[in-house]
PDB file of N, CA and C in Angstrom:
ATOM      1  N   MET A   1      99.678  64.044 -78.010  1.00  0.00           N
ATOM      2  CA  MET A   1     100.668  63.855 -76.982  1.00  0.00           C
ATOM      3  C   MET A   1     100.496  62.446 -76.399  1.00  0.00           C
ATOM      4  N   GLU A   2     101.582  61.804 -76.087  1.00  0.00           N
ATOM      5  CA  GLU A   2     101.507  60.471 -75.491  1.00  0.00           C
ATOM      6  C   GLU A   2     100.641  60.492 -74.236  1.00  0.00           C
ATOM      7  N   GLY A   3      99.860  59.427 -74.057  1.00  0.00           N
ATOM      8  CA  GLY A   3      98.990  59.299 -72.898  1.00  0.00           C
ATOM      9  C   GLY A   3      97.586  59.827 -73.116  1.00  0.00           C
ATOM     10  N   ASP A   4      97.396  60.637 -74.155  1.00  0.00           N
ATOM     11  CA  ASP A   4      96.074  61.170 -74.462  1.00  0.00           C
ATOM     12  C   ASP A   4      95.231  60.118 -75.178  1.00  0.00           C
ATOM     13  N   SER A   5      93.976  60.464 -75.405  1.00  0.00           N
ATOM     14  CA  SER A   5      93.091  59.659 -76.240  1.00  0.00           C
ATOM     15  C   SER A   5      92.808  60.432 -77.519  1.00  0.00           C
ATOM     16  N   VAL A   6      92.608  59.710 -78.598  1.00  0.00           N
ATOM     17  CA  VAL A   6      92.241  60.345 -79.862  1.00  0.00           C
ATOM     18  C   VAL A   6      91.026  59.609 -80.416  1.00  0.00           C
ATOM     19  N   THR A   7      90.057  60.383 -80.916  1.00  0.00           N
ATOM     20  CA  THR A   7      88.863  59.797 -81.500  1.00  0.00           C
ATOM     21  C   THR A   7      88.836  60.098 -82.987  1.00  0.00           C
ATOM     22  N   LEU A   8      88.656  59.046 -83.773  1.00  0.00           N
ATOM     23  CA  LEU A   8      88.525  59.161 -85.221  1.00  0.00           C
ATOM     24  C   LEU A   8      87.032  59.058 -85.525  1.00  0.00           C
ATOM     25  N   ASN A   9      86.453  60.156 -85.980  1.00  0.00           N
ATOM     26  CA  ASN A   9      85.010  60.248 -86.155  1.00  0.00           C
ATOM     27  C   ASN A   9      84.555  59.808 -87.535  1.00  0.00           C
ATOM     28  N   THR A  10      83.386  59.163 -87.567  1.00  0.00           N
ATOM     29  CA  THR A  10      82.803  58.711 -88.831  1.00  0.00           C
ATOM     30  C   THR A  10      81.969  59.796 -89.499  1.00  0.00           C
ATOM     31  N   ASP A  11      81.619  60.837 -88.766  1.00  0.00           N
ATOM     32  CA  ASP A  11      80.758  61.920 -89.262  1.00  0.00           C
ATOM     33  C   ASP A  11      79.333  61.465 -89.540  1.00  0.00           C
ATOM     34  N   VAL A  12      78.891  60.384 -88.906  1.00  0.00           N
ATOM     35  CA  VAL A  12      77.486  60.006 -88.963  1.00  0.00           C
ATOM     36  C   VAL A  12      76.959  60.008 -87.532  1.00  0.00           C
ATOM     37  N   THR A  13      75.679  60.332 -87.358  1.00  0.00           N
ATOM     38  CA  THR A  13      75.087  60.336 -86.024  1.00  0.00           C
ATOM     39  C   THR A  13      74.565  58.965 -85.650  1.00  0.00           C
ATOM     40  N   GLU A  14      74.344  58.137 -86.665  1.00  0.00           N
ATOM     41  CA  GLU A  14      73.914  56.768 -86.451  1.00  0.00           C
ATOM     42  C   GLU A  14      74.294  55.956 -87.683  1.00  0.00           C
ATOM     43  N   ILE A  15      74.767  54.741 -87.470  1.00  0.00           N
ATOM     44  CA  ILE A  15      75.142  53.880 -88.589  1.00  0.00           C
ATOM     45  C   ILE A  15      73.882  53.578 -89.397  1.00  0.00           C
ATOM     46  N   PRO A  16      73.869  53.932 -90.679  1.00  0.00           N
ATOM     47  CA  PRO A  16      72.663  53.701 -91.485  1.00  0.00           C
ATOM     48  C   PRO A  16      72.312  52.214 -91.585  1.00  0.00           C
ATOM     49  N   GLU A  17      71.038  51.936 -91.654  1.00  0.00           N
ATOM     50  CA  GLU A  17      70.540  50.565 -91.798  1.00  0.00           C
ATOM     51  C   GLU A  17      71.210  49.891 -92.991  1.00  0.00           C
ATOM     52  N   GLY A  18      71.664  48.672 -92.794  1.00  0.00           N
ATOM     53  CA  GLY A  18      72.284  47.905 -93.873  1.00  0.00           C
ATOM     54  C   GLY A  18      73.753  48.219 -94.121  1.00  0.00           C
ATOM     55  N   ASN A  19      74.325  49.112 -93.323  1.00  0.00           N
ATOM     56  CA  ASN A  19      75.734  49.468 -93.478  1.00  0.00           C
ATOM     57  C   ASN A  19      76.566  48.873 -92.350  1.00  0.00           C
ATOM     58  N   SER A  20      77.840  48.684 -92.620  1.00  0.00           N
ATOM     59  CA  SER A  20      78.797  48.258 -91.601  1.00  0.00           C
ATOM     60  C   SER A  20      80.026  49.148 -91.712  1.00  0.00           C
ATOM     61  N   ILE A  21      80.790  49.200 -90.642  1.00  0.00           N
ATOM     62  CA  ILE A  21      82.005  50.026 -90.629  1.00  0.00           C
ATOM     63  C   ILE A  21      83.181  49.147 -90.250  1.00  0.00           C
ATOM     64  N   MET A  22      84.264  49.287 -91.014  1.00  0.00           N
ATOM     65  CA  MET A  22      85.515  48.590 -90.702  1.00  0.00           C
ATOM     66  C   MET A  22      86.602  49.643 -90.537  1.00  0.00           C
ATOM     67  N   TRP A  23      87.438  49.445 -89.528  1.00  0.00           N
ATOM     68  CA  TRP A  23      88.597  50.299 -89.285  1.00  0.00           C
ATOM     69  C   TRP A  23      89.849  49.473 -89.530  1.00  0.00           C
ATOM     70  N   LYS A  24      90.779  50.044 -90.316  1.00  0.00           N
ATOM     71  CA  LYS A  24      92.035  49.357 -90.630  1.00  0.00           C
ATOM     72  C   LYS A  24      93.204  50.267 -90.277  1.00  0.00           C
ATOM     73  N   PHE A  25      94.352  49.631 -90.022  1.00  0.00           N
ATOM     74  CA  PHE A  25      95.539  50.383 -89.613  1.00  0.00           C
ATOM     75  C   PHE A  25      96.752  49.983 -90.432  1.00  0.00           C
ATOM     76  N   GLY A  26      97.548  50.993 -90.799  1.00  0.00           N
ATOM     77  CA  GLY A  26      98.859  50.776 -91.383  1.00  0.00           C
ATOM     78  C   GLY A  26      98.849  50.386 -92.850  1.00  0.00           C
ATOM     79  N   ALA A  27     100.055  50.248 -93.384  1.00  0.00           N
ATOM     80  CA  ALA A  27     100.243  49.919 -94.797  1.00  0.00           C
ATOM     81  C   ALA A  27      99.678  48.546 -95.148  1.00  0.00           C
ATOM     82  N   LYS A  28      99.630  47.657 -94.161  1.00  0.00           N
ATOM     83  CA  LYS A  28      99.111  46.309 -94.414  1.00  0.00           C
ATOM     84  C   LYS A  28      97.605  46.201 -94.158  1.00  0.00           C
ATOM     85  N   ASN A  29      96.972  47.335 -93.833  1.00  0.00           N
ATOM     86  CA  ASN A  29      95.524  47.372 -93.597  1.00  0.00           C
ATOM     87  C   ASN A  29      95.048  46.314 -92.605  1.00  0.00           C
ATOM     88  N   PHE A  30      95.705  46.253 -91.442  1.00  0.00           N
ATOM     89  CA  PHE A  30      95.267  45.328 -90.396  1.00  0.00           C
ATOM     90  C   PHE A  30      93.878  45.744 -89.931  1.00  0.00           C
ATOM     91  N   LEU A  31      92.941  44.811 -89.877  1.00  0.00           N
ATOM     92  CA  LEU A  31      91.603  45.081 -89.377  1.00  0.00           C
ATOM     93  C   LEU A  31      91.680  45.231 -87.860  1.00  0.00           C
ATOM     94  N   ILE A  32      91.282  46.412 -87.342  1.00  0.00           N
ATOM     95  CA  ILE A  32      91.368  46.640 -85.898  1.00  0.00           C
ATOM     96  C   ILE A  32      89.992  46.813 -85.245  1.00  0.00           C
ATOM     97  N   ALA A  33      88.955  47.087 -86.045  1.00  0.00           N
ATOM     98  CA  ALA A  33      87.614  47.215 -85.471  1.00  0.00           C
ATOM     99  C   ALA A  33      86.578  47.047 -86.570  1.00  0.00           C
ATOM    100  N   GLU A  34      85.405  46.584 -86.144  1.00  0.00           N
ATOM    101  CA  GLU A  34      84.331  46.336 -87.104  1.00  0.00           C
ATOM    102  C   GLU A  34      82.998  46.405 -86.367  1.00  0.00           C
ATOM    103  N   ILE A  35      82.012  47.025 -87.023  1.00  0.00           N
ATOM    104  CA  ILE A  35      80.699  47.132 -86.403  1.00  0.00           C
ATOM    105  C   ILE A  35      79.609  47.034 -87.464  1.00  0.00           C
ATOM    106  N   SER A  36      78.598  46.237 -87.153  1.00  0.00           N
ATOM    107  CA  SER A  36      77.388  46.137 -87.971  1.00  0.00           C
ATOM    108  C   SER A  36      76.254  45.866 -87.009  1.00  0.00           C
ATOM    109  N   ARG A  37      75.431  46.874 -86.774  1.00  0.00           N
ATOM    110  CA  ARG A  37      74.323  46.689 -85.832  1.00  0.00           C
ATOM    111  C   ARG A  37      73.331  45.666 -86.360  1.00  0.00           C
ATOM    112  N   GLU A  38      73.108  45.671 -87.664  1.00  0.00           N
ATOM    113  CA  GLU A  38      72.165  44.735 -88.276  1.00  0.00           C
ATOM    114  C   GLU A  38      72.585  43.276 -88.067  1.00  0.00           C
ATOM    115  N   LYS A  39      73.886  43.000 -88.242  1.00  0.00           N
ATOM    116  CA  LYS A  39      74.406  41.636 -88.077  1.00  0.00           C
ATOM    117  C   LYS A  39      74.861  41.358 -86.649  1.00  0.00           C
ATOM    118  N   ARG A  40      74.704  42.348 -85.786  1.00  0.00           N
ATOM    119  CA  ARG A  40      75.116  42.252 -84.382  1.00  0.00           C
ATOM    120  C   ARG A  40      76.615  41.959 -84.240  1.00  0.00           C
ATOM    121  N   ILE A  41      77.407  42.602 -85.092  1.00  0.00           N
ATOM    122  CA  ILE A  41      78.868  42.502 -85.021  1.00  0.00           C
ATOM    123  C   ILE A  41      79.366  43.775 -84.355  1.00  0.00           C
ATOM    124  N   PHE A  42      80.161  43.608 -83.314  1.00  0.00           N
ATOM    125  CA  PHE A  42      80.703  44.749 -82.586  1.00  0.00           C
ATOM    126  C   PHE A  42      82.034  44.299 -81.979  1.00  0.00           C
ATOM    127  N   PHE A  43      83.117  44.435 -82.759  1.00  0.00           N
ATOM    128  CA  PHE A  43      84.403  43.898 -82.324  1.00  0.00           C
ATOM    129  C   PHE A  43      85.524  44.921 -82.455  1.00  0.00           C
ATOM    130  N   THR A  44      86.431  44.874 -81.495  1.00  0.00           N
ATOM    131  CA  THR A  44      87.733  45.512 -81.661  1.00  0.00           C
ATOM    132  C   THR A  44      88.745  44.377 -81.617  1.00  0.00           C
ATOM    133  N   TYR A  45      89.737  44.480 -82.459  1.00  0.00           N
ATOM    134  CA  TYR A  45      90.733  43.416 -82.580  1.00  0.00           C
ATOM    135  C   TYR A  45      92.052  43.907 -82.000  1.00  0.00           C
ATOM    136  N   ASP A  46      92.419  43.354 -80.865  1.00  0.00           N
ATOM    137  CA  ASP A  46      93.662  43.735 -80.201  1.00  0.00           C
ATOM    138  C   ASP A  46      94.862  42.983 -80.752  1.00  0.00           C
ATOM    139  N   ASN A  47      94.619  42.030 -81.640  1.00  0.00           N
ATOM    140  CA  ASN A  47      95.667  41.093 -82.037  1.00  0.00           C
ATOM    141  C   ASN A  47      96.459  41.501 -83.270  1.00  0.00           C
ATOM    142  N   VAL A  48      96.571  42.808 -83.526  1.00  0.00           N
ATOM    143  CA  VAL A  48      97.509  43.230 -84.560  1.00  0.00           C
ATOM    144  C   VAL A  48      98.836  42.596 -84.169  1.00  0.00           C
ATOM    145  N   PRO A  49      99.616  42.097 -85.129  1.00  0.00           N
ATOM    146  CA  PRO A  49     100.772  41.243 -84.805  1.00  0.00           C
ATOM    147  C   PRO A  49     101.616  41.620 -83.595  1.00  0.00           C
ATOM    148  N   ASP A  50     101.809  42.896 -83.329  1.00  0.00           N
ATOM    149  CA  ASP A  50     102.665  43.241 -82.187  1.00  0.00           C
ATOM    150  C   ASP A  50     101.876  43.602 -80.923  1.00  0.00           C
ATOM    151  N   GLY A  51     100.549  43.495 -80.956  1.00  0.00           N
ATOM    152  CA  GLY A  51      99.727  43.744 -79.776  1.00  0.00           C
ATOM    153  C   GLY A  51      99.620  45.198 -79.351  1.00  0.00           C
ATOM    154  N   ARG A  52      99.970  46.130 -80.205  1.00  0.00           N
ATOM    155  CA  ARG A  52     100.009  47.545 -79.812  1.00  0.00           C
ATOM    156  C   ARG A  52      98.654  48.129 -79.415  1.00  0.00           C
ATOM    157  N   PHE A  53      97.551  47.521 -79.835  1.00  0.00           N
ATOM    158  CA  PHE A  53      96.226  48.061 -79.519  1.00  0.00           C
ATOM    159  C   PHE A  53      95.548  47.369 -78.338  1.00  0.00           C
ATOM    160  N   ARG A  54      96.237  46.464 -77.692  1.00  0.00           N
ATOM    161  CA  ARG A  54      95.638  45.697 -76.596  1.00  0.00           C
ATOM    162  C   ARG A  54      95.047  46.623 -75.531  1.00  0.00           C
ATOM    163  N   ASP A  55      93.749  46.468 -75.274  1.00  0.00           N
ATOM    164  CA  ASP A  55      93.010  47.231 -74.257  1.00  0.00           C
ATOM    165  C   ASP A  55      93.001  48.739 -74.491  1.00  0.00           C
ATOM    166  N   ARG A  56      93.150  49.170 -75.741  1.00  0.00           N
ATOM    167  CA  ARG A  56      93.187  50.610 -76.030  1.00  0.00           C
ATOM    168  C   ARG A  56      92.101  51.080 -76.983  1.00  0.00           C
ATOM    169  N   LEU A  57      91.379  50.172 -77.627  1.00  0.00           N
ATOM    170  CA  LEU A  57      90.389  50.557 -78.628  1.00  0.00           C
ATOM    171  C   LEU A  57      88.990  50.585 -78.035  1.00  0.00           C
ATOM    172  N   LYS A  58      88.264  51.667 -78.321  1.00  0.00           N
ATOM    173  CA  LYS A  58      86.863  51.812 -77.925  1.00  0.00           C
ATOM    174  C   LYS A  58      86.074  52.175 -79.179  1.00  0.00           C
ATOM    175  N   LEU A  59      84.960  51.492 -79.388  1.00  0.00           N
ATOM    176  CA  LEU A  59      84.142  51.682 -80.575  1.00  0.00           C
ATOM    177  C   LEU A  59      82.772  52.190 -80.142  1.00  0.00           C
ATOM    178  N   ASP A  60      82.342  53.321 -80.703  1.00  0.00           N
ATOM    179  CA  ASP A  60      81.029  53.864 -80.381  1.00  0.00           C
ATOM    180  C   ASP A  60      79.966  53.045 -81.106  1.00  0.00           C
ATOM    181  N   LYS A  61      79.049  52.445 -80.349  1.00  0.00           N
ATOM    182  CA  LYS A  61      78.088  51.517 -80.948  1.00  0.00           C
ATOM    183  C   LYS A  61      77.036  52.203 -81.812  1.00  0.00           C
ATOM    184  N   TRP A  62      76.883  53.513 -81.713  1.00  0.00           N
ATOM    185  CA  TRP A  62      75.899  54.224 -82.536  1.00  0.00           C
ATOM    186  C   TRP A  62      76.514  54.848 -83.772  1.00  0.00           C
ATOM    187  N   THR A  63      77.677  55.469 -83.606  1.00  0.00           N
ATOM    188  CA  THR A  63      78.283  56.188 -84.742  1.00  0.00           C
ATOM    189  C   THR A  63      79.383  55.394 -85.426  1.00  0.00           C
ATOM    190  N   GLY A  64      79.971  54.413 -84.720  1.00  0.00           N
ATOM    191  CA  GLY A  64      81.089  53.661 -85.268  1.00  0.00           C
ATOM    192  C   GLY A  64      82.417  54.378 -85.138  1.00  0.00           C
ATOM    193  N   SER A  65      82.426  55.542 -84.471  1.00  0.00           N
ATOM    194  CA  SER A  65      83.686  56.262 -84.261  1.00  0.00           C
ATOM    195  C   SER A  65      84.624  55.426 -83.408  1.00  0.00           C
ATOM    196  N   LEU A  66      85.922  55.549 -83.674  1.00  0.00           N
ATOM    197  CA  LEU A  66      86.941  54.750 -82.990  1.00  0.00           C
ATOM    198  C   LEU A  66      87.787  55.644 -82.093  1.00  0.00           C
ATOM    199  N   THR A  67      87.934  55.254 -80.824  1.00  0.00           N
ATOM    200  CA  THR A  67      88.792  55.981 -79.893  1.00  0.00           C
ATOM    201  C   THR A  67      89.963  55.092 -79.503  1.00  0.00           C
ATOM    202  N   ILE A  68      91.159  55.668 -79.565  1.00  0.00           N
ATOM    203  CA  ILE A  68      92.375  54.983 -79.117  1.00  0.00           C
ATOM    204  C   ILE A  68      92.781  55.665 -77.819  1.00  0.00           C
ATOM    205  N   THR A  69      92.810  54.897 -76.725  1.00  0.00           N
ATOM    206  CA  THR A  69      93.129  55.474 -75.419  1.00  0.00           C
ATOM    207  C   THR A  69      94.607  55.276 -75.089  1.00  0.00           C
ATOM    208  N   ASN A  70      95.110  56.143 -74.210  1.00  0.00           N
ATOM    209  CA  ASN A  70      96.494  56.053 -73.743  1.00  0.00           C
ATOM    210  C   ASN A  70      97.457  55.855 -74.914  1.00  0.00           C
ATOM    211  N   ILE A  71      97.344  56.730 -75.889  1.00  0.00           N
ATOM    212  CA  ILE A  71      98.080  56.599 -77.149  1.00  0.00           C
ATOM    213  C   ILE A  71      99.586  56.781 -76.942  1.00  0.00           C
ATOM    214  N   THR A  72     100.365  56.050 -77.717  1.00  0.00           N
ATOM    215  CA  THR A  72     101.826  56.191 -77.699  1.00  0.00           C
ATOM    216  C   THR A  72     102.301  56.395 -79.138  1.00  0.00           C
ATOM    217  N   THR A  73     103.582  56.632 -79.300  1.00  0.00           N
ATOM    218  CA  THR A  73     104.110  56.871 -80.640  1.00  0.00           C
ATOM    219  C   THR A  73     103.957  55.658 -81.553  1.00  0.00           C
ATOM    220  N   GLU A  74     103.823  54.459 -80.998  1.00  0.00           N
ATOM    221  CA  GLU A  74     103.640  53.281 -81.843  1.00  0.00           C
ATOM    222  C   GLU A  74     102.242  53.222 -82.463  1.00  0.00           C
ATOM    223  N   HIS A  75     101.337  54.111 -82.039  1.00  0.00           N
ATOM    224  CA  HIS A  75     100.006  54.180 -82.624  1.00  0.00           C
ATOM    225  C   HIS A  75      99.923  55.206 -83.745  1.00  0.00           C
ATOM    226  N   ALA A  76     101.017  55.898 -84.002  1.00  0.00           N
ATOM    227  CA  ALA A  76     101.046  56.856 -85.107  1.00  0.00           C
ATOM    228  C   ALA A  76     100.971  56.102 -86.425  1.00  0.00           C
ATOM    229  N   GLY A  77     100.310  56.685 -87.394  1.00  0.00           N
ATOM    230  CA  GLY A  77     100.220  56.057 -88.707  1.00  0.00           C
ATOM    231  C   GLY A  77      98.916  56.369 -89.398  1.00  0.00           C
ATOM    232  N   VAL A  78      98.618  55.603 -90.422  1.00  0.00           N
ATOM    233  CA  VAL A  78      97.438  55.822 -91.246  1.00  0.00           C
ATOM    234  C   VAL A  78      96.328  54.859 -90.828  1.00  0.00           C
ATOM    235  N   TYR A  79      95.147  55.417 -90.593  1.00  0.00           N
ATOM    236  CA  TYR A  79      93.950  54.660 -90.254  1.00  0.00           C
ATOM    237  C   TYR A  79      92.942  54.851 -91.380  1.00  0.00           C
ATOM    238  N   LYS A  80      92.268  53.781 -91.742  1.00  0.00           N
ATOM    239  CA  LYS A  80      91.288  53.846 -92.816  1.00  0.00           C
ATOM    240  C   LYS A  80      89.935  53.377 -92.285  1.00  0.00           C
ATOM    241  N   GLN A  81      88.918  54.179 -92.547  1.00  0.00           N
ATOM    242  CA  GLN A  81      87.550  53.847 -92.177  1.00  0.00           C
ATOM    243  C   GLN A  81      86.774  53.550 -93.456  1.00  0.00           C
ATOM    244  N   GLU A  82      86.111  52.408 -93.490  1.00  0.00           N
ATOM    245  CA  GLU A  82      85.277  52.048 -94.638  1.00  0.00           C
ATOM    246  C   GLU A  82      83.860  51.810 -94.158  1.00  0.00           C
ATOM    247  N   ILE A  83      82.913  52.536 -94.743  1.00  0.00           N
ATOM    248  CA  ILE A  83      81.508  52.267 -94.496  1.00  0.00           C
ATOM    249  C   ILE A  83      81.016  51.478 -95.700  1.00  0.00           C
ATOM    250  N   ASN A  84      80.579  50.250 -95.461  1.00  0.00           N
ATOM    251  CA  ASN A  84      80.145  49.361 -96.533  1.00  0.00           C
ATOM    252  C   ASN A  84      78.629  49.242 -96.532  1.00  0.00           C
ATOM    253  N   GLY A  85      78.050  49.197 -97.707  1.00  0.00           N
ATOM    254  CA  GLY A  85      76.606  49.071 -97.847  1.00  0.00           C
ATOM    255  C   GLY A  85      76.076  50.163 -98.753  1.00  0.00           C
ATOM    256  N   PRO A  86      74.780  50.454 -98.673  1.00  0.00           N
ATOM    257  CA  PRO A  86      74.170  51.450 -99.559  1.00  0.00           C
ATOM    258  C   PRO A  86      74.812  52.835 -99.464  1.00  0.00           C
ATOM    259  N   MET A  87      75.320  53.206 -98.297  1.00  0.00           N
ATOM    260  CA  MET A  87      75.943  54.530 -98.106  1.00  0.00           C
ATOM    261  C   MET A  87      77.473  54.406 -98.117  1.00  0.00           C
ATOM    262  N   TRP A  88      78.041  53.649 -99.054  1.00  0.00           N
ATOM    263  CA  TRP A  88      79.470  53.359 -99.077  1.00  0.00           C
ATOM    264  C   TRP A  88      80.296  54.635 -99.051  1.00  0.00           C
ATOM    265  N   SER A  89      81.340  54.618 -98.217  1.00  0.00           N
ATOM    266  CA  SER A  89      82.322  55.704 -98.204  1.00  0.00           C
ATOM    267  C   SER A  89      83.613  55.195 -97.592  1.00  0.00           C
ATOM    268  N   SER A  90      84.660  55.944 -97.829  1.00  0.00           N
ATOM    269  CA  SER A  90      85.973  55.602 -97.296  1.00  0.00           C
ATOM    270  C   SER A  90      86.645  56.898 -96.856  1.00  0.00           C
ATOM    271  N   LYS A  91      87.360  56.824 -95.764  1.00  0.00           N
ATOM    272  CA  LYS A  91      88.022  58.003 -95.224  1.00  0.00           C
ATOM    273  C   LYS A  91      89.358  57.569 -94.637  1.00  0.00           C
ATOM    274  N   THR A  92      90.370  58.385 -94.807  1.00  0.00           N
ATOM    275  CA  THR A  92      91.707  58.081 -94.286  1.00  0.00           C
ATOM    276  C   THR A  92      92.108  59.140 -93.262  1.00  0.00           C
ATOM    277  N   PHE A  93      92.692  58.682 -92.169  1.00  0.00           N
ATOM    278  CA  PHE A  93      93.180  59.555 -91.106  1.00  0.00           C
ATOM    279  C   PHE A  93      94.678  59.332 -90.952  1.00  0.00           C
ATOM    280  N   SER A  94      95.425  60.397 -90.791  1.00  0.00           N
ATOM    281  CA  SER A  94      96.841  60.296 -90.484  1.00  0.00           C
ATOM    282  C   SER A  94      97.041  60.782 -89.046  1.00  0.00           C
ATOM    283  N   VAL A  95      97.494  59.888 -88.184  1.00  0.00           N
ATOM    284  CA  VAL A  95      97.639  60.204 -86.771  1.00  0.00           C
ATOM    285  C   VAL A  95      99.122  60.349 -86.435  1.00  0.00           C
ATOM    286  N   SER A  96      99.458  61.492 -85.846  1.00  0.00           N
ATOM    287  CA  SER A  96     100.817  61.744 -85.354  1.00  0.00           C
ATOM    288  C   SER A  96     100.756  61.815 -83.838  1.00  0.00           C
ATOM    289  N   VAL A  97     101.748  61.251 -83.186  1.00  0.00           N
ATOM    290  CA  VAL A  97     101.794  61.245 -81.726  1.00  0.00           C
ATOM    291  C   VAL A  97     103.158  61.778 -81.302  1.00  0.00           C
ATOM    292  N   TYR A  98     103.130  62.729 -80.388  1.00  0.00           N
ATOM    293  CA  TYR A  98     104.368  63.309 -79.893  1.00  0.00           C
ATOM    294  C   TYR A  98     104.577  62.899 -78.450  1.00  0.00           C
ATOM    295  N   GLY A  99     105.820  62.633 -78.100  1.00  0.00           N
ATOM    296  CA  GLY A  99     106.145  62.276 -76.725  1.00  0.00           C
ATOM    297  C   GLY A  99     106.157  63.514 -75.858  1.00  0.00           C
ATOM    298  N   GLU A 100     106.384  63.310 -74.577  1.00  0.00           N
ATOM    299  CA  GLU A 100     106.443  64.449 -73.677  1.00  0.00           C
ATOM    300  C   GLU A 100     107.806  65.133 -73.777  1.00  0.00           C
ATOM    301  N   GLN A 101     107.820  66.424 -73.514  1.00  0.00           N
ATOM    302  CA  GLN A 101     109.068  67.172 -73.593  1.00  0.00           C
ATOM    303  C   GLN A 101     109.831  67.015 -72.283  1.00  0.00           C
ATOM    304  N   ARG A 102     111.109  66.760 -72.389  1.00  0.00           N
ATOM    305  CA  ARG A 102     111.963  66.602 -71.208  1.00  0.00           C
ATOM    306  C   ARG A 102     113.199  67.474 -71.373  1.00  0.00           C
ATOM    307  N   SER A 103     113.719  67.945 -70.262  1.00  0.00           N
ATOM    308  CA  SER A 103     114.942  68.753 -70.277  1.00  0.00           C
ATOM    309  C   SER A 103     116.042  67.992 -69.556  1.00  0.00           C
ATOM    310  N   PHE A 104     117.232  68.069 -70.119  1.00  0.00           N
ATOM    311  CA  PHE A 104     118.392  67.444 -69.505  1.00  0.00           C
ATOM    312  C   PHE A 104     119.499  68.476 -69.396  1.00  0.00           C
ATOM    313  N   VAL A 105     120.210  68.450 -68.286  1.00  0.00           N
ATOM    314  CA  VAL A 105     121.343  69.342 -68.087  1.00  0.00           C
ATOM    315  C   VAL A 105     122.603  68.491 -68.168  1.00  0.00           C
ATOM    316  N   LEU A 106     123.477  68.842 -69.110  1.00  0.00           N
ATOM    317  CA  LEU A 106     124.703  68.079 -69.316  1.00  0.00           C
ATOM    318  C   LEU A 106     125.914  68.977 -69.111  1.00  0.00           C
ATOM    319  N   PRO A 107     126.905  68.531 -68.357  1.00  0.00           N
ATOM    320  CA  PRO A 107     128.116  69.343 -68.182  1.00  0.00           C
ATOM    321  C   PRO A 107     128.939  69.357 -69.472  1.00  0.00           C
ATOM    322  N   CYS A 108     129.540  70.485 -69.740  1.00  0.00           N
ATOM    323  CA  CYS A 108     130.399  70.608 -70.919  1.00  0.00           C
ATOM    324  C   CYS A 108     131.851  70.698 -70.456  1.00  0.00           C
ATOM    325  N   SER A 109     132.762  70.580 -71.400  1.00  0.00           N
ATOM    326  CA  SER A 109     134.184  70.555 -71.068  1.00  0.00           C
ATOM    327  C   SER A 109     134.673  71.859 -70.455  1.00  0.00           C
ATOM    328  N   ASP A 110     134.026  72.993 -70.776  1.00  0.00           N
ATOM    329  CA  ASP A 110     134.462  74.260 -70.195  1.00  0.00           C
ATOM    330  C   ASP A 110     133.696  74.582 -68.902  1.00  0.00           C
ATOM    331  N   LYS A 111     133.117  73.574 -68.293  1.00  0.00           N
ATOM    332  CA  LYS A 111     132.415  73.638 -67.023  1.00  0.00           C
ATOM    333  C   LYS A 111     131.149  74.488 -67.062  1.00  0.00           C
ATOM    334  N   LEU A 112     130.683  74.802 -68.260  1.00  0.00           N
ATOM    335  CA  LEU A 112     129.387  75.457 -68.397  1.00  0.00           C
ATOM    336  C   LEU A 112     128.337  74.371 -68.580  1.00  0.00           C
ATOM    337  N   LEU A 113     127.131  74.682 -68.274  1.00  0.00           N
ATOM    338  CA  LEU A 113     126.055  73.729 -68.427  1.00  0.00           C
ATOM    339  C   LEU A 113     125.202  74.093 -69.637  1.00  0.00           C
ATOM    340  N   HIS A 114     124.825  73.104 -70.362  1.00  0.00           N
ATOM    341  CA  HIS A 114     123.924  73.305 -71.486  1.00  0.00           C
ATOM    342  C   HIS A 114     122.633  72.547 -71.202  1.00  0.00           C
ATOM    343  N   ILE A 115     121.534  73.148 -71.522  1.00  0.00           N
ATOM    344  CA  ILE A 115     120.240  72.503 -71.341  1.00  0.00           C
ATOM    345  C   ILE A 115     119.724  72.116 -72.704  1.00  0.00           C
ATOM    346  N   PHE A 116     119.325  70.851 -72.847  1.00  0.00           N
ATOM    347  CA  PHE A 116     118.798  70.354 -74.089  1.00  0.00           C
ATOM    348  C   PHE A 116     117.336  69.957 -73.894  1.00  0.00           C
ATOM    349  N   ASP A 117     116.475  70.500 -74.696  1.00  0.00           N
ATOM    350  CA  ASP A 117     115.076  70.098 -74.683  1.00  0.00           C
ATOM    351  C   ASP A 117     114.827  69.247 -75.917  1.00  0.00           C
ATOM    352  N   PHE A 118     114.141  68.161 -75.733  1.00  0.00           N
ATOM    353  CA  PHE A 118     113.759  67.361 -76.880  1.00  0.00           C
ATOM    354  C   PHE A 118     112.513  66.581 -76.535  1.00  0.00           C
ATOM    355  N   ILE A 119     111.867  66.119 -77.561  1.00  0.00           N
ATOM    356  CA  ILE A 119     110.646  65.346 -77.393  1.00  0.00           C
ATOM    357  C   ILE A 119     110.994  63.880 -77.521  1.00  0.00           C
ATOM    358  N   VAL A 120     110.531  63.095 -76.542  1.00  0.00           N
ATOM    359  CA  VAL A 120     110.791  61.657 -76.567  1.00  0.00           C
ATOM    360  C   VAL A 120     109.533  60.919 -76.936  1.00  0.00           C
TER     361      VAL A 120
END
């Protein structure tokens, strides 16, 4: 639901020695986060071309899990996690985001009212 936070988990309790984790988004695989404790790299990249992740990404420094806060429908899509190094693995997440439900009352020509519910 819009406004919630979603966490994409790496399923590790600690990033293994010699490994790094990269998070990518969308069909163009934009790099949005990267962590390597060994190399002391700990970055989230807010500069995806349209700025949709600005101030919304949180990276767990122990597990490498990625949290997207205050999510909106523009954050829906495919996320890819790559663990590079001796314990190489790759995982894909498909994130769907639904807007809040709103009701509208519209007058009809026969003076009856119809209520329409839809998700925005």
